[in-house]
Amino acid sequence: MKSRVVERFKFEAAHAVVIDGKPEEIHGHTFRLEIAVEGPLGNGYVIDFLQLRAIVNEVIKKLDHRNLNRLFDNPTTENVALWIAGEVEKRLPEEVKLHRIVLWEGDENGVEFEF
């Protein structure tokens, strides 16, 4: 049996993605993030919700209300999601693994990665 914990987050950021060598106009989004982690049930839980929330908040505070072009060469939703995934993975307890990340750019466009 696999056990997973899922948390949702929001942050605001601006970016100008480079498409076919041309940058878009800078614009902002409300990004919605979903993180799912899995691991063994120890003491009845995989990871405390508050611990996972603290880990992810530490990561996304670096993005919130920022111009993502100052942080990424090309701040596509895919690149931002993969960066978040890497930063979260580094901070998780050893027995807890990142299973899935979904990052929505507004209400209609999103990316999902499973690990």
C-alpha atoms as a PDB file:
ATOM      1  CA  MET A   1       0.000   0.000   0.000  1.00  0.00           C
ATOM      2  CA  LYS A   2       1.275   3.452  -0.926  1.00  0.00           C
ATOM      3  CA  SER A   3       0.432   6.441   1.199  1.00  0.00           C
ATOM      4  CA  ARG A   4       0.512   9.998  -0.103  1.00  0.00           C
ATOM      5  CA  VAL A   5       0.058  13.437   1.363  1.00  0.00           C
ATOM      6  CA  VAL A   6      -1.162  16.252  -0.882  1.00  0.00           C
ATOM      7  CA  GLU A   7      -0.936  19.990  -0.211  1.00  0.00           C
ATOM      8  CA  ARG A   8      -2.005  23.006  -2.291  1.00  0.00           C
ATOM      9  CA  PHE A   9      -0.430  26.463  -2.447  1.00  0.00           C
ATOM     10  CA  LYS A  10      -0.718  29.770  -4.304  1.00  0.00           C
ATOM     11  CA  PHE A  11       1.756  32.472  -5.199  1.00  0.00           C
ATOM     12  CA  GLU A  12       1.818  35.523  -7.449  1.00  0.00           C
ATOM     13  CA  ALA A  13       4.588  36.171  -9.957  1.00  0.00           C
ATOM     14  CA  ALA A  14       5.332  37.836 -13.282  1.00  0.00           C
ATOM     15  CA  HIS A  15       7.242  36.512 -16.274  1.00  0.00           C
ATOM     16  CA  ALA A  16       7.930  36.937 -19.972  1.00  0.00           C
ATOM     17  CA  VAL A  17       8.462  33.520 -21.525  1.00  0.00           C
ATOM     18  CA  VAL A  18      10.755  33.261 -24.553  1.00  0.00           C
ATOM     19  CA  ILE A  19       8.915  31.536 -27.426  1.00  0.00           C
ATOM     20  CA  ASP A  20      10.747  30.864 -30.697  1.00  0.00           C
ATOM     21  CA  GLY A  21      13.486  33.247 -29.604  1.00  0.00           C
ATOM     22  CA  LYS A  22      11.116  36.131 -28.826  1.00  0.00           C
ATOM     23  CA  PRO A  23      10.105  37.154 -25.298  1.00  0.00           C
ATOM     24  CA  GLU A  24       6.454  37.790 -24.566  1.00  0.00           C
ATOM     25  CA  GLU A  25       5.352  40.991 -22.870  1.00  0.00           C
ATOM     26  CA  ILE A  26       5.866  40.706 -19.135  1.00  0.00           C
ATOM     27  CA  HIS A  27       2.646  39.713 -17.395  1.00  0.00           C
ATOM     28  CA  GLY A  28       1.553  38.224 -14.103  1.00  0.00           C
ATOM     29  CA  HIS A  29      -0.272  35.144 -12.890  1.00  0.00           C
ATOM     30  CA  THR A  30      -1.669  33.598  -9.797  1.00  0.00           C
ATOM     31  CA  PHE A  31       0.207  30.303  -9.797  1.00  0.00           C
ATOM     32  CA  ARG A  32      -1.476  27.376  -8.061  1.00  0.00           C
ATOM     33  CA  LEU A  33       0.739  24.539  -6.923  1.00  0.00           C
ATOM     34  CA  GLU A  34      -0.085  21.020  -5.824  1.00  0.00           C
ATOM     35  CA  ILE A  35       2.551  18.773  -4.272  1.00  0.00           C
ATOM     36  CA  ALA A  36       2.084  15.066  -3.511  1.00  0.00           C
ATOM     37  CA  VAL A  37       4.658  13.157  -1.473  1.00  0.00           C
ATOM     38  CA  GLU A  38       4.690   9.504  -0.519  1.00  0.00           C
ATOM     39  CA  GLY A  39       6.349   7.351   2.051  1.00  0.00           C
ATOM     40  CA  PRO A  40       5.797   4.813   4.792  1.00  0.00           C
ATOM     41  CA  LEU A  41       3.215   5.350   7.491  1.00  0.00           C
ATOM     42  CA  GLY A  42       5.262   6.032  10.593  1.00  0.00           C
ATOM     43  CA  ASN A  43       3.196   6.745  13.705  1.00  0.00           C
ATOM     44  CA  GLY A  44       0.135   6.846  11.448  1.00  0.00           C
ATOM     45  CA  TYR A  45       1.261   9.491   8.948  1.00  0.00           C
ATOM     46  CA  VAL A  46       3.668   9.996   6.024  1.00  0.00           C
ATOM     47  CA  ILE A  47       4.697  13.540   6.956  1.00  0.00           C
ATOM     48  CA  ASP A  48       3.001  16.094   9.145  1.00  0.00           C
ATOM     49  CA  PHE A  49       0.967  18.519   7.023  1.00  0.00           C
ATOM     50  CA  LEU A  50       2.566  21.454   8.822  1.00  0.00           C
ATOM     51  CA  GLN A  51       6.072  20.157   8.111  1.00  0.00           C
ATOM     52  CA  LEU A  52       5.342  19.721   4.399  1.00  0.00           C
ATOM     53  CA  ARG A  53       3.673  23.138   4.269  1.00  0.00           C
ATOM     54  CA  ALA A  54       6.727  24.756   5.901  1.00  0.00           C
ATOM     55  CA  ILE A  55       9.078  23.071   3.400  1.00  0.00           C
ATOM     56  CA  VAL A  56       7.100  24.194   0.353  1.00  0.00           C
ATOM     57  CA  ASN A  57       6.489  27.705   1.706  1.00  0.00           C
ATOM     58  CA  GLU A  58      10.244  28.107   2.214  1.00  0.00           C
ATOM     59  CA  VAL A  59      10.716  27.342  -1.490  1.00  0.00           C
ATOM     60  CA  ILE A  60       7.887  29.373  -3.009  1.00  0.00           C
ATOM     61  CA  LYS A  61       8.632  32.474  -0.933  1.00  0.00           C
ATOM     62  CA  LYS A  62      11.608  32.899  -3.300  1.00  0.00           C
ATOM     63  CA  LEU A  63       9.125  33.196  -6.200  1.00  0.00           C
ATOM     64  CA  ASP A  64       6.190  35.054  -4.649  1.00  0.00           C
ATOM     65  CA  HIS A  65       5.650  38.568  -6.026  1.00  0.00           C
ATOM     66  CA  ARG A  66       8.823  38.332  -8.091  1.00  0.00           C
ATOM     67  CA  ASN A  67       9.783  38.780 -11.733  1.00  0.00           C
ATOM     68  CA  LEU A  68      10.659  35.186 -12.627  1.00  0.00           C
ATOM     69  CA  ASN A  69      12.865  36.361 -15.510  1.00  0.00           C
ATOM     70  CA  ARG A  70      15.361  37.508 -12.896  1.00  0.00           C
ATOM     71  CA  LEU A  71      15.531  33.956 -11.529  1.00  0.00           C
ATOM     72  CA  PHE A  72      15.280  31.790 -14.687  1.00  0.00           C
ATOM     73  CA  ASP A  73      16.685  32.049 -18.211  1.00  0.00           C
ATOM     74  CA  ASN A  74      13.272  31.101 -19.563  1.00  0.00           C
ATOM     75  CA  PRO A  75      10.608  31.010 -16.838  1.00  0.00           C
ATOM     76  CA  THR A  76       8.199  28.612 -18.485  1.00  0.00           C
ATOM     77  CA  THR A  77       5.743  26.902 -16.188  1.00  0.00           C
ATOM     78  CA  GLU A  78       7.637  23.662 -16.820  1.00  0.00           C
ATOM     79  CA  ASN A  79      10.980  25.178 -15.784  1.00  0.00           C
ATOM     80  CA  VAL A  80       9.487  26.756 -12.668  1.00  0.00           C
ATOM     81  CA  ALA A  81       7.755  23.493 -11.676  1.00  0.00           C
ATOM     82  CA  LEU A  82      10.958  21.484 -12.092  1.00  0.00           C
ATOM     83  CA  TRP A  83      12.903  24.007 -10.007  1.00  0.00           C
ATOM     84  CA  ILE A  84      10.275  23.856  -7.247  1.00  0.00           C
ATOM     85  CA  ALA A  85      10.398  20.043  -7.366  1.00  0.00           C
ATOM     86  CA  GLY A  86      14.169  19.994  -6.980  1.00  0.00           C
ATOM     87  CA  GLU A  87      14.128  22.450  -4.091  1.00  0.00           C
ATOM     88  CA  VAL A  88      11.359  20.570  -2.273  1.00  0.00           C
ATOM     89  CA  GLU A  89      13.085  17.198  -2.778  1.00  0.00           C
ATOM     90  CA  LYS A  90      16.271  18.522  -1.131  1.00  0.00           C
ATOM     91  CA  ARG A  91      14.317  19.434   2.003  1.00  0.00           C
ATOM     92  CA  LEU A  92      12.145  16.337   2.450  1.00  0.00           C
ATOM     93  CA  PRO A  93      12.959  13.776   5.143  1.00  0.00           C
ATOM     94  CA  GLU A  94      14.928  10.833   3.736  1.00  0.00           C
ATOM     95  CA  GLU A  95      12.012   8.363   3.778  1.00  0.00           C
ATOM     96  CA  VAL A  96       9.576  10.787   2.075  1.00  0.00           C
ATOM     97  CA  LYS A  97       9.749  11.123  -1.710  1.00  0.00           C
ATOM     98  CA  LEU A  98       8.202  13.631  -4.082  1.00  0.00           C
ATOM     99  CA  HIS A  99       5.571  11.816  -6.135  1.00  0.00           C
ATOM    100  CA  ARG A 100       3.874  14.540  -8.185  1.00  0.00           C
ATOM    101  CA  ILE A 101       3.899  18.259  -8.775  1.00  0.00           C
ATOM    102  CA  VAL A 102       1.233  20.227 -10.632  1.00  0.00           C
ATOM    103  CA  LEU A 103       1.741  23.926 -11.346  1.00  0.00           C
ATOM    104  CA  TRP A 104      -1.108  25.966 -12.789  1.00  0.00           C
ATOM    105  CA  GLU A 105      -0.401  29.278 -14.509  1.00  0.00           C
ATOM    106  CA  GLY A 106      -3.748  30.929 -13.884  1.00  0.00           C
ATOM    107  CA  ASP A 107      -6.918  28.863 -14.106  1.00  0.00           C
ATOM    108  CA  GLU A 108      -6.476  27.262 -17.505  1.00  0.00           C
ATOM    109  CA  ASN A 109      -2.849  26.326 -18.198  1.00  0.00           C
ATOM    110  CA  GLY A 110      -0.826  23.892 -16.140  1.00  0.00           C
ATOM    111  CA  VAL A 111       1.923  21.321 -16.126  1.00  0.00           C
ATOM    112  CA  GLU A 112       2.254  18.075 -14.210  1.00  0.00           C
ATOM    113  CA  PHE A 113       5.290  15.947 -13.450  1.00  0.00           C
ATOM    114  CA  GLU A 114       5.341  12.535 -11.783  1.00  0.00           C
ATOM    115  CA  PHE A 115       8.508  11.144 -10.261  1.00  0.00           C
END
